[in-house]
C-alpha atoms as a PDB file:
ATOM      1  CA  MET A   1      -0.065  -8.807  14.448  1.00  0.00           C
ATOM      2  CA  SER A   2       2.082  -6.840  12.018  1.00  0.00           C
ATOM      3  CA  HIS A   3       3.930  -3.701  13.070  1.00  0.00           C
ATOM      4  CA  ARG A   4       5.526  -2.703   9.773  1.00  0.00           C
ATOM      5  CA  HIS A   5       5.506   0.951  10.790  1.00  0.00           C
ATOM      6  CA  ASP A   6       8.058   0.142  13.540  1.00  0.00           C
ATOM      7  CA  LEU A   7      10.716  -1.074  11.099  1.00  0.00           C
ATOM      8  CA  THR A   8      13.789   1.081  10.617  1.00  0.00           C
ATOM      9  CA  LYS A   9      14.850   1.997   7.100  1.00  0.00           C
ATOM     10  CA  ARG A  10      17.529  -0.717   7.190  1.00  0.00           C
ATOM     11  CA  GLU A  11      15.032  -3.292   8.502  1.00  0.00           C
ATOM     12  CA  ARG A  12      12.627  -2.426   5.666  1.00  0.00           C
ATOM     13  CA  GLN A  13      15.472  -3.027   3.218  1.00  0.00           C
ATOM     14  CA  ALA A  14      16.264  -6.343   4.902  1.00  0.00           C
ATOM     15  CA  ALA A  15      12.570  -7.317   4.902  1.00  0.00           C
ATOM     16  CA  ARG A  16      12.333  -6.741   1.145  1.00  0.00           C
ATOM     17  CA  LEU A  17      15.408  -8.912   0.625  1.00  0.00           C
ATOM     18  CA  VAL A  18      14.000 -11.650   2.895  1.00  0.00           C
ATOM     19  CA  ALA A  19      10.763 -11.496   0.904  1.00  0.00           C
ATOM     20  CA  ALA A  20      12.836 -11.900  -2.268  1.00  0.00           C
ATOM     21  CA  GLY A  21      14.254 -15.125  -0.844  1.00  0.00           C
ATOM     22  CA  LEU A  22      17.811 -14.011  -0.053  1.00  0.00           C
ATOM     23  CA  THR A  23      19.894 -15.679   2.666  1.00  0.00           C
ATOM     24  CA  ASN A  24      21.482 -13.741   5.539  1.00  0.00           C
ATOM     25  CA  ARG A  25      24.825 -13.834   3.731  1.00  0.00           C
ATOM     26  CA  GLU A  26      23.271 -12.489   0.523  1.00  0.00           C
ATOM     27  CA  ILE A  27      21.416  -9.798   2.485  1.00  0.00           C
ATOM     28  CA  ALA A  28      24.710  -8.807   4.138  1.00  0.00           C
ATOM     29  CA  GLU A  29      26.392  -8.498   0.760  1.00  0.00           C
ATOM     30  CA  ARG A  30      23.564  -6.362  -0.639  1.00  0.00           C
ATOM     31  CA  LEU A  31      23.476  -4.082   2.405  1.00  0.00           C
ATOM     32  CA  GLY A  32      27.237  -3.898   2.767  1.00  0.00           C
ATOM     33  CA  VAL A  33      27.239  -5.219   6.340  1.00  0.00           C
ATOM     34  CA  GLU A  34      28.560  -8.263   8.195  1.00  0.00           C
ATOM     35  CA  THR A  35      26.480 -11.447   8.093  1.00  0.00           C
ATOM     36  CA  ALA A  36      25.901 -11.171  11.859  1.00  0.00           C
ATOM     37  CA  THR A  37      24.440  -7.680  11.362  1.00  0.00           C
ATOM     38  CA  ALA A  38      22.162  -8.936   8.593  1.00  0.00           C
ATOM     39  CA  LYS A  39      21.054 -11.767  10.881  1.00  0.00           C
ATOM     40  CA  THR A  40      20.183  -9.194  13.555  1.00  0.00           C
ATOM     41  CA  HIS A  41      18.200  -7.130  11.037  1.00  0.00           C
ATOM     42  CA  VAL A  42      16.294 -10.241   9.910  1.00  0.00           C
ATOM     43  CA  SER A  43      15.592 -11.236  13.512  1.00  0.00           C
ATOM     44  CA  ASN A  44      14.253  -7.730  14.222  1.00  0.00           C
ATOM     45  CA  VAL A  45      12.097  -7.895  11.094  1.00  0.00           C
ATOM     46  CA  LEU A  46      10.536 -11.203  12.114  1.00  0.00           C
ATOM     47  CA  SER A  47       9.876  -9.937  15.633  1.00  0.00           C
ATOM     48  CA  LYS A  48       8.451  -6.561  14.628  1.00  0.00           C
ATOM     49  CA  MET A  49       6.296  -8.037  11.865  1.00  0.00           C
ATOM     50  CA  GLY A  50       4.925 -10.616  14.266  1.00  0.00           C
ATOM     51  CA  VAL A  51       5.949 -13.632  12.201  1.00  0.00           C
ATOM     52  CA  GLU A  52       8.044 -16.683  12.964  1.00  0.00           C
ATOM     53  CA  SER A  53       9.592 -17.505   9.614  1.00  0.00           C
ATOM     54  CA  ARG A  54      11.057 -16.000   6.479  1.00  0.00           C
ATOM     55  CA  GLU A  55       8.287 -17.692   4.500  1.00  0.00           C
ATOM     56  CA  GLU A  56       5.693 -15.697   6.434  1.00  0.00           C
ATOM     57  CA  VAL A  57       7.534 -12.472   5.513  1.00  0.00           C
ATOM     58  CA  ARG A  58       7.201 -13.454   1.852  1.00  0.00           C
ATOM     59  CA  GLU A  59       3.425 -13.790   2.256  1.00  0.00           C
ATOM     60  CA  LEU A  60       2.956 -10.325   3.770  1.00  0.00           C
ATOM     61  CA  PRO A  61       2.497  -7.117   1.783  1.00  0.00           C
ATOM     62  CA  GLU A  62       5.729  -5.272   1.060  1.00  0.00           C
ATOM     63  CA  PRO A  63       6.973  -3.538   4.224  1.00  0.00           C
ATOM     64  CA  GLY A  64       6.280   0.145   4.372  1.00  0.00           C
ATOM     65  CA  ILE A  65       3.526   0.040   1.765  1.00  0.00           C
ATOM     66  CA  LYS A  66       0.080   0.908   3.009  1.00  0.00           C
ATOM     67  CA  GLN A  67      -2.697  -1.336   1.870  1.00  0.00           C
ATOM     68  CA  PRO A  68      -5.648   0.177   0.054  1.00  0.00           C
ATOM     69  CA  VAL A  69      -8.611   1.177   2.141  1.00  0.00           C
ATOM     70  CA  ALA A  70     -12.022  -0.045   1.088  1.00  0.00           C
ATOM     71  CA  LEU A  71     -14.294   2.873   0.226  1.00  0.00           C
ATOM     72  CA  SER A  72     -18.058   2.867   0.482  1.00  0.00           C
ATOM     73  CA  ASP A  73     -20.178   4.114  -2.414  1.00  0.00           C
ATOM     74  CA  ASP A  74     -20.916   7.233  -0.376  1.00  0.00           C
ATOM     75  CA  ASP A  75     -17.182   7.858   0.066  1.00  0.00           C
ATOM     76  CA  VAL A  76     -16.655   7.574  -3.686  1.00  0.00           C
ATOM     77  CA  VAL A  77     -19.513   9.966  -4.397  1.00  0.00           C
ATOM     78  CA  GLU A  78     -18.120  12.486  -1.913  1.00  0.00           C
ATOM     79  CA  ILE A  79     -14.663  12.266  -3.501  1.00  0.00           C
ATOM     80  CA  LEU A  80     -16.116  12.656  -6.981  1.00  0.00           C
ATOM     81  CA  TRP A  81     -18.114  15.742  -5.949  1.00  0.00           C
ATOM     82  CA  GLY A  82     -14.897  17.241  -4.599  1.00  0.00           C
ATOM     83  CA  ILE A  83     -13.093  16.513  -7.863  1.00  0.00           C
ATOM     84  CA  HIS A  84     -16.031  17.924  -9.836  1.00  0.00           C
ATOM     85  CA  ALA A  85     -15.918  21.193  -7.876  1.00  0.00           C
ATOM     86  CA  LEU A  86     -12.135  21.393  -8.240  1.00  0.00           C
ATOM     87  CA  MET A  87     -12.339  20.888 -12.001  1.00  0.00           C
ATOM     88  CA  LEU A  88     -14.916  23.672 -12.313  1.00  0.00           C
ATOM     89  CA  ARG A  89     -12.812  26.052 -10.168  1.00  0.00           C
ATOM     90  CA  ARG A  90      -9.704  25.308 -12.215  1.00  0.00           C
ATOM     91  CA  GLY A  91     -11.466  25.944 -15.485  1.00  0.00           C
ATOM     92  CA  SER A  92     -11.639  22.352 -16.686  1.00  0.00           C
ATOM     93  CA  PRO A  93     -15.295  21.959 -17.649  1.00  0.00           C
ATOM     94  CA  GLU A  94     -14.579  18.938 -19.861  1.00  0.00           C
ATOM     95  CA  LEU A  95     -13.089  17.023 -16.941  1.00  0.00           C
ATOM     96  CA  ALA A  96     -15.960  18.182 -14.732  1.00  0.00           C
ATOM     97  CA  LYS A  97     -18.375  16.678 -17.307  1.00  0.00           C
ATOM     98  CA  ILE A  98     -16.570  13.324 -17.109  1.00  0.00           C
ATOM     99  CA  VAL A  99     -16.842  13.317 -13.312  1.00  0.00           C
ATOM    100  CA  ASN A 100     -20.485  14.353 -13.598  1.00  0.00           C
ATOM    101  CA  ARG A 101     -21.124  11.350 -15.884  1.00  0.00           C
ATOM    102  CA  ALA A 102     -19.520   9.069 -13.307  1.00  0.00           C
ATOM    103  CA  LEU A 103     -21.791  10.506 -10.621  1.00  0.00           C
ATOM    104  CA  LEU A 104     -24.822  10.006 -12.864  1.00  0.00           C
ATOM    105  CA  HIS A 105     -23.760   6.402 -13.502  1.00  0.00           C
ATOM    106  CA  ILE A 106     -23.523   5.771  -9.760  1.00  0.00           C
ATOM    107  CA  ARG A 107     -26.945   7.326  -9.172  1.00  0.00           C
ATOM    108  CA  LEU A 108     -28.532   5.221 -11.930  1.00  0.00           C
ATOM    109  CA  HIS A 109     -26.797   2.072 -10.692  1.00  0.00           C
ATOM    110  CA  ARG A 110     -28.044   2.690  -7.141  1.00  0.00           C
ATOM    111  CA  ASN A 111     -31.595   3.046  -8.426  1.00  0.00           C
ATOM    112  CA  GLY A 112     -31.353  -0.143 -10.459  1.00  0.00           C
ATOM    113  CA  ASN A 113     -31.688   1.770 -13.704  1.00  0.00           C
ATOM    114  CA  GLU A 114     -28.258   1.024 -15.137  1.00  0.00           C
ATOM    115  CA  GLN A 115     -28.236   1.469 -18.884  1.00  0.00           C
END
């Protein structure tokens, strides 16, 4: 299991360099630390990310970057209604019309009447 949120700032930097394929010596040079310190950072990264190899680090999403959350159609509609209301309050009726068209498209699509 991945625990990317537990990485220190320096470990996140090291993880990005590991993912880029750098060796411990190259990581040390980039971070301005001794090779032994870089090795410790890399070891901590592997442990905290729950992986056993540098190759596995390369396959994971970039450390510190949240992955997108899947939204249901209802979530999207709720967000769009909020944007629509905001656009009307801020005096942007043209943008509100665009959002309204998107909501209409979703409604038609749900009813199987897509044009």
